[in-house]
Amino acid sequence: MVSGADSIFVTIKKMLGLGDDYTPFDTDILVFINGAFMTLQQLGVGPDGGFQISDAETSWNDYVSDSEMIGAIANYIYLSVKILFDPPSNSFVMDAMQKQIEQIGWRLNVQAESKKTFDFITDDDNARRRGWPGNEVIEGTGVTGESDP
């Protein structure tokens, strides 16, 4: 089980079957992990400004505070890195991995969007920071979102 305190880089290396002390491919793996983070950011997952790692010091909690999503995010990043770093030779396995990446990505997107919607409904300041359209006029108590006189 992946813990929020675990290192992102070490977790993905272990999932790839590489030990901490085996370093010849560390740069490649970092690039692939950061590419997966960019894709997740485009799916609405993670910090709004994007996210990157540069070493083994960054933990899952540094990326996302929602502990329920860490397992799915780790799986998504692992599969994305695996396909690039050590692609399967069997096309059926490759297709299955790509479909799993798509499905996990879709589920993460739905989870992230529902969280943003909940923030929008319950916390105007959070919604403004996330850049939801029209939030700049949510000041008063009027039903239309306009300030009361």
C-alpha atoms as a PDB file:
ATOM      1  CA  MET A   1       0.000   0.000   0.000  1.00  0.00           C
ATOM      2  CA  VAL A   2       1.271   3.452  -0.884  1.00  0.00           C
ATOM      3  CA  SER A   3       1.456   5.908   2.002  1.00  0.00           C
ATOM      4  CA  GLY A   4       1.274   9.655   1.568  1.00  0.00           C
ATOM      5  CA  ALA A   5       4.653   9.983   3.290  1.00  0.00           C
ATOM      6  CA  ASP A   6       6.350   7.657   0.777  1.00  0.00           C
ATOM      7  CA  SER A   7       8.687   9.093  -1.840  1.00  0.00           C
ATOM      8  CA  ILE A   8       7.059   9.350  -5.264  1.00  0.00           C
ATOM      9  CA  PHE A   9      10.297   8.496  -7.049  1.00  0.00           C
ATOM     10  CA  VAL A  10      11.161   5.514  -4.822  1.00  0.00           C
ATOM     11  CA  THR A  11       7.605   4.159  -5.080  1.00  0.00           C
ATOM     12  CA  ILE A  12       7.631   4.208  -8.887  1.00  0.00           C
ATOM     13  CA  LYS A  13      11.133   2.696  -9.039  1.00  0.00           C
ATOM     14  CA  LYS A  14      10.018  -0.158  -6.765  1.00  0.00           C
ATOM     15  CA  MET A  15       6.907  -0.735  -8.865  1.00  0.00           C
ATOM     16  CA  LEU A  16       9.189  -0.963 -11.919  1.00  0.00           C
ATOM     17  CA  GLY A  17      11.228  -3.608 -10.109  1.00  0.00           C
ATOM     18  CA  LEU A  18      14.287  -1.392  -9.556  1.00  0.00           C
ATOM     19  CA  GLY A  19      16.124  -1.009  -6.268  1.00  0.00           C
ATOM     20  CA  ASP A  20      16.905   2.315  -4.623  1.00  0.00           C
ATOM     21  CA  ASP A  21      20.611   1.821  -5.261  1.00  0.00           C
ATOM     22  CA  TYR A  22      20.216   1.109  -8.993  1.00  0.00           C
ATOM     23  CA  THR A  23      20.602   4.546 -10.600  1.00  0.00           C
ATOM     24  CA  PRO A  24      21.499   4.277 -14.335  1.00  0.00           C
ATOM     25  CA  PHE A  25      17.944   5.108 -15.436  1.00  0.00           C
ATOM     26  CA  ASP A  26      16.993   7.644 -12.758  1.00  0.00           C
ATOM     27  CA  THR A  27      16.940  10.592 -15.190  1.00  0.00           C
ATOM     28  CA  ASP A  28      14.713   8.714 -17.636  1.00  0.00           C
ATOM     29  CA  ILE A  29      12.314   7.700 -14.888  1.00  0.00           C
ATOM     30  CA  LEU A  30      12.150  11.273 -13.526  1.00  0.00           C
ATOM     31  CA  VAL A  31      11.309  12.610 -16.998  1.00  0.00           C
ATOM     32  CA  PHE A  32       8.568  10.009 -17.484  1.00  0.00           C
ATOM     33  CA  ILE A  33       7.113  10.673 -14.004  1.00  0.00           C
ATOM     34  CA  ASN A  34       7.006  14.421 -14.660  1.00  0.00           C
ATOM     35  CA  GLY A  35       5.324  13.772 -18.013  1.00  0.00           C
ATOM     36  CA  ALA A  36       2.629  11.800 -16.202  1.00  0.00           C
ATOM     37  CA  PHE A  37       2.199  14.685 -13.744  1.00  0.00           C
ATOM     38  CA  MET A  38       1.657  17.059 -16.668  1.00  0.00           C
ATOM     39  CA  THR A  39      -1.040  14.774 -18.069  1.00  0.00           C
ATOM     40  CA  LEU A  40      -2.698  14.510 -14.650  1.00  0.00           C
ATOM     41  CA  GLN A  41      -2.666  18.302 -14.340  1.00  0.00           C
ATOM     42  CA  GLN A  42      -4.454  18.526 -17.688  1.00  0.00           C
ATOM     43  CA  LEU A  43      -7.014  16.051 -16.319  1.00  0.00           C
ATOM     44  CA  GLY A  44      -7.605  18.396 -13.364  1.00  0.00           C
ATOM     45  CA  VAL A  45      -5.707  16.301 -10.814  1.00  0.00           C
ATOM     46  CA  GLY A  46      -3.137  17.807  -8.476  1.00  0.00           C
ATOM     47  CA  PRO A  47      -2.050  21.392  -7.936  1.00  0.00           C
ATOM     48  CA  ASP A  48      -3.521  23.950 -10.326  1.00  0.00           C
ATOM     49  CA  GLY A  49      -0.065  25.256 -11.262  1.00  0.00           C
ATOM     50  CA  GLY A  50       1.317  21.835 -12.165  1.00  0.00           C
ATOM     51  CA  PHE A  51       3.863  19.691 -10.348  1.00  0.00           C
ATOM     52  CA  GLN A  52       7.306  18.210 -10.909  1.00  0.00           C
ATOM     53  CA  ILE A  53       9.807  16.190  -8.935  1.00  0.00           C
ATOM     54  CA  SER A  54      13.590  16.298  -9.219  1.00  0.00           C
ATOM     55  CA  ASP A  55      14.715  13.730  -6.658  1.00  0.00           C
ATOM     56  CA  ALA A  56      13.598  11.098  -4.156  1.00  0.00           C
ATOM     57  CA  GLU A  57      12.697  13.659  -1.482  1.00  0.00           C
ATOM     58  CA  THR A  58       9.208  14.532  -2.742  1.00  0.00           C
ATOM     59  CA  SER A  59       6.370  12.588  -1.134  1.00  0.00           C
ATOM     60  CA  TRP A  60       2.852  11.812  -2.329  1.00  0.00           C
ATOM     61  CA  ASN A  61       1.523  14.249   0.301  1.00  0.00           C
ATOM     62  CA  ASP A  62       3.509  17.015  -1.417  1.00  0.00           C
ATOM     63  CA  TYR A  63       1.474  16.319  -4.566  1.00  0.00           C
ATOM     64  CA  VAL A  64      -2.044  15.705  -3.293  1.00  0.00           C
ATOM     65  CA  SER A  65      -3.686  15.972   0.119  1.00  0.00           C
ATOM     66  CA  ASP A  66      -6.552  13.581  -0.685  1.00  0.00           C
ATOM     67  CA  SER A  67      -5.227  10.251   0.635  1.00  0.00           C
ATOM     68  CA  GLU A  68      -8.069   8.381  -1.106  1.00  0.00           C
ATOM     69  CA  MET A  69      -6.607   9.285  -4.509  1.00  0.00           C
ATOM     70  CA  ILE A  70      -2.946   8.387  -3.831  1.00  0.00           C
ATOM     71  CA  GLY A  71      -3.289   4.719  -4.803  1.00  0.00           C
ATOM     72  CA  ALA A  72      -4.979   5.492  -8.115  1.00  0.00           C
ATOM     73  CA  ILE A  73      -2.507   8.287  -8.880  1.00  0.00           C
ATOM     74  CA  ALA A  74       0.446   5.996  -8.125  1.00  0.00           C
ATOM     75  CA  ASN A  75      -1.040   3.316 -10.381  1.00  0.00           C
ATOM     76  CA  TYR A  76      -1.640   5.840 -13.173  1.00  0.00           C
ATOM     77  CA  ILE A  77       1.918   7.168 -12.985  1.00  0.00           C
ATOM     78  CA  TYR A  78       3.406   3.671 -12.757  1.00  0.00           C
ATOM     79  CA  LEU A  79       1.540   2.434 -15.840  1.00  0.00           C
ATOM     80  CA  SER A  80       2.397   5.599 -17.771  1.00  0.00           C
ATOM     81  CA  VAL A  81       6.084   5.236 -16.907  1.00  0.00           C
ATOM     82  CA  LYS A  82       6.098   1.466 -17.506  1.00  0.00           C
ATOM     83  CA  ILE A  83       4.794   1.832 -21.063  1.00  0.00           C
ATOM     84  CA  LEU A  84       7.553   4.311 -21.885  1.00  0.00           C
ATOM     85  CA  PHE A  85      10.389   2.827 -19.838  1.00  0.00           C
ATOM     86  CA  ASP A  86       9.821  -0.901 -20.316  1.00  0.00           C
ATOM     87  CA  PRO A  87       7.031  -1.468 -22.842  1.00  0.00           C
ATOM     88  CA  PRO A  88       5.542  -4.955 -23.075  1.00  0.00           C
ATOM     89  CA  SER A  89       6.444  -6.889 -26.203  1.00  0.00           C
ATOM     90  CA  ASN A  90       2.941  -8.339 -26.503  1.00  0.00           C
ATOM     91  CA  SER A  91       0.479  -5.979 -28.201  1.00  0.00           C
ATOM     92  CA  PHE A  92      -2.439  -7.383 -26.187  1.00  0.00           C
ATOM     93  CA  VAL A  93      -0.685  -6.505 -22.935  1.00  0.00           C
ATOM     94  CA  MET A  94       0.147  -3.040 -24.285  1.00  0.00           C
ATOM     95  CA  ASP A  95      -3.496  -2.458 -25.260  1.00  0.00           C
ATOM     96  CA  ALA A  96      -4.675  -3.626 -21.828  1.00  0.00           C
ATOM     97  CA  MET A  97      -2.235  -1.276 -20.088  1.00  0.00           C
ATOM     98  CA  GLN A  98      -3.277   1.669 -22.263  1.00  0.00           C
ATOM     99  CA  LYS A  99      -6.967   0.984 -21.563  1.00  0.00           C
ATOM    100  CA  GLN A 100      -6.233   0.818 -17.847  1.00  0.00           C
ATOM    101  CA  ILE A 101      -4.385   4.159 -18.023  1.00  0.00           C
ATOM    102  CA  GLU A 102      -7.376   5.695 -19.811  1.00  0.00           C
ATOM    103  CA  GLN A 103      -9.846   4.299 -17.295  1.00  0.00           C
ATOM    104  CA  ILE A 104      -7.841   5.402 -14.250  1.00  0.00           C
ATOM    105  CA  GLY A 105      -7.332   8.823 -15.845  1.00  0.00           C
ATOM    106  CA  TRP A 106     -11.065   9.172 -16.424  1.00  0.00           C
ATOM    107  CA  ARG A 107     -11.861   8.145 -12.845  1.00  0.00           C
ATOM    108  CA  LEU A 108      -9.271  10.533 -11.410  1.00  0.00           C
ATOM    109  CA  ASN A 109     -10.715  13.336 -13.547  1.00  0.00           C
ATOM    110  CA  VAL A 110     -14.240  12.630 -12.292  1.00  0.00           C
ATOM    111  CA  GLN A 111     -13.007  12.549  -8.682  1.00  0.00           C
ATOM    112  CA  ALA A 112     -11.066  15.807  -9.089  1.00  0.00           C
ATOM    113  CA  GLU A 113     -13.964  17.583 -10.816  1.00  0.00           C
ATOM    114  CA  SER A 114     -16.457  16.471  -8.154  1.00  0.00           C
ATOM    115  CA  LYS A 115     -14.068  17.815  -5.485  1.00  0.00           C
ATOM    116  CA  LYS A 116     -13.808  21.144  -7.330  1.00  0.00           C
ATOM    117  CA  THR A 117     -17.608  21.293  -7.653  1.00  0.00           C
ATOM    118  CA  PHE A 118     -17.998  20.585  -3.932  1.00  0.00           C
ATOM    119  CA  ASP A 119     -15.479  23.350  -3.150  1.00  0.00           C
ATOM    120  CA  PHE A 120     -17.434  25.673  -5.446  1.00  0.00           C
ATOM    121  CA  ILE A 121     -20.680  24.981  -3.641  1.00  0.00           C
ATOM    122  CA  THR A 122     -19.289  25.072  -0.106  1.00  0.00           C
ATOM    123  CA  ASP A 123     -16.363  27.500  -0.219  1.00  0.00           C
ATOM    124  CA  ASP A 124     -16.464  30.616  -2.390  1.00  0.00           C
ATOM    125  CA  ASP A 125     -12.796  31.470  -1.659  1.00  0.00           C
ATOM    126  CA  ASN A 126     -11.630  28.015  -2.780  1.00  0.00           C
ATOM    127  CA  ALA A 127     -13.756  28.277  -5.916  1.00  0.00           C
ATOM    128  CA  ARG A 128     -12.298  31.707  -6.738  1.00  0.00           C
ATOM    129  CA  ARG A 129      -8.754  30.390  -6.374  1.00  0.00           C
ATOM    130  CA  ARG A 130      -9.572  27.532  -8.735  1.00  0.00           C
ATOM    131  CA  GLY A 131     -10.750  30.028 -11.345  1.00  0.00           C
ATOM    132  CA  TRP A 132     -14.344  28.913 -11.790  1.00  0.00           C
ATOM    133  CA  PRO A 133     -16.170  31.188 -14.234  1.00  0.00           C
ATOM    134  CA  GLY A 134     -18.363  33.804 -12.638  1.00  0.00           C
ATOM    135  CA  ASN A 135     -16.892  33.482  -9.168  1.00  0.00           C
ATOM    136  CA  GLU A 136     -15.695  37.055  -9.203  1.00  0.00           C
ATOM    137  CA  VAL A 137     -19.321  38.168  -8.674  1.00  0.00           C
ATOM    138  CA  ILE A 138     -20.164  35.816  -5.803  1.00  0.00           C
ATOM    139  CA  GLU A 139     -20.018  38.331  -2.975  1.00  0.00           C
ATOM    140  CA  GLY A 140     -23.503  38.839  -1.594  1.00  0.00           C
ATOM    141  CA  THR A 141     -26.356  36.583  -0.737  1.00  0.00           C
ATOM    142  CA  GLY A 142     -28.411  37.185  -3.871  1.00  0.00           C
ATOM    143  CA  VAL A 143     -29.593  34.161  -5.812  1.00  0.00           C
ATOM    144  CA  THR A 144     -28.192  35.516  -9.065  1.00  0.00           C
ATOM    145  CA  GLY A 145     -24.671  35.758  -7.615  1.00  0.00           C
ATOM    146  CA  GLU A 146     -24.755  39.556  -7.650  1.00  0.00           C
ATOM    147  CA  SER A 147     -24.014  41.557  -4.514  1.00  0.00           C
ATOM    148  CA  ASP A 148     -26.967  42.843  -2.553  1.00  0.00           C
ATOM    149  CA  PRO A 149     -27.145  46.660  -2.250  1.00  0.00           C
END
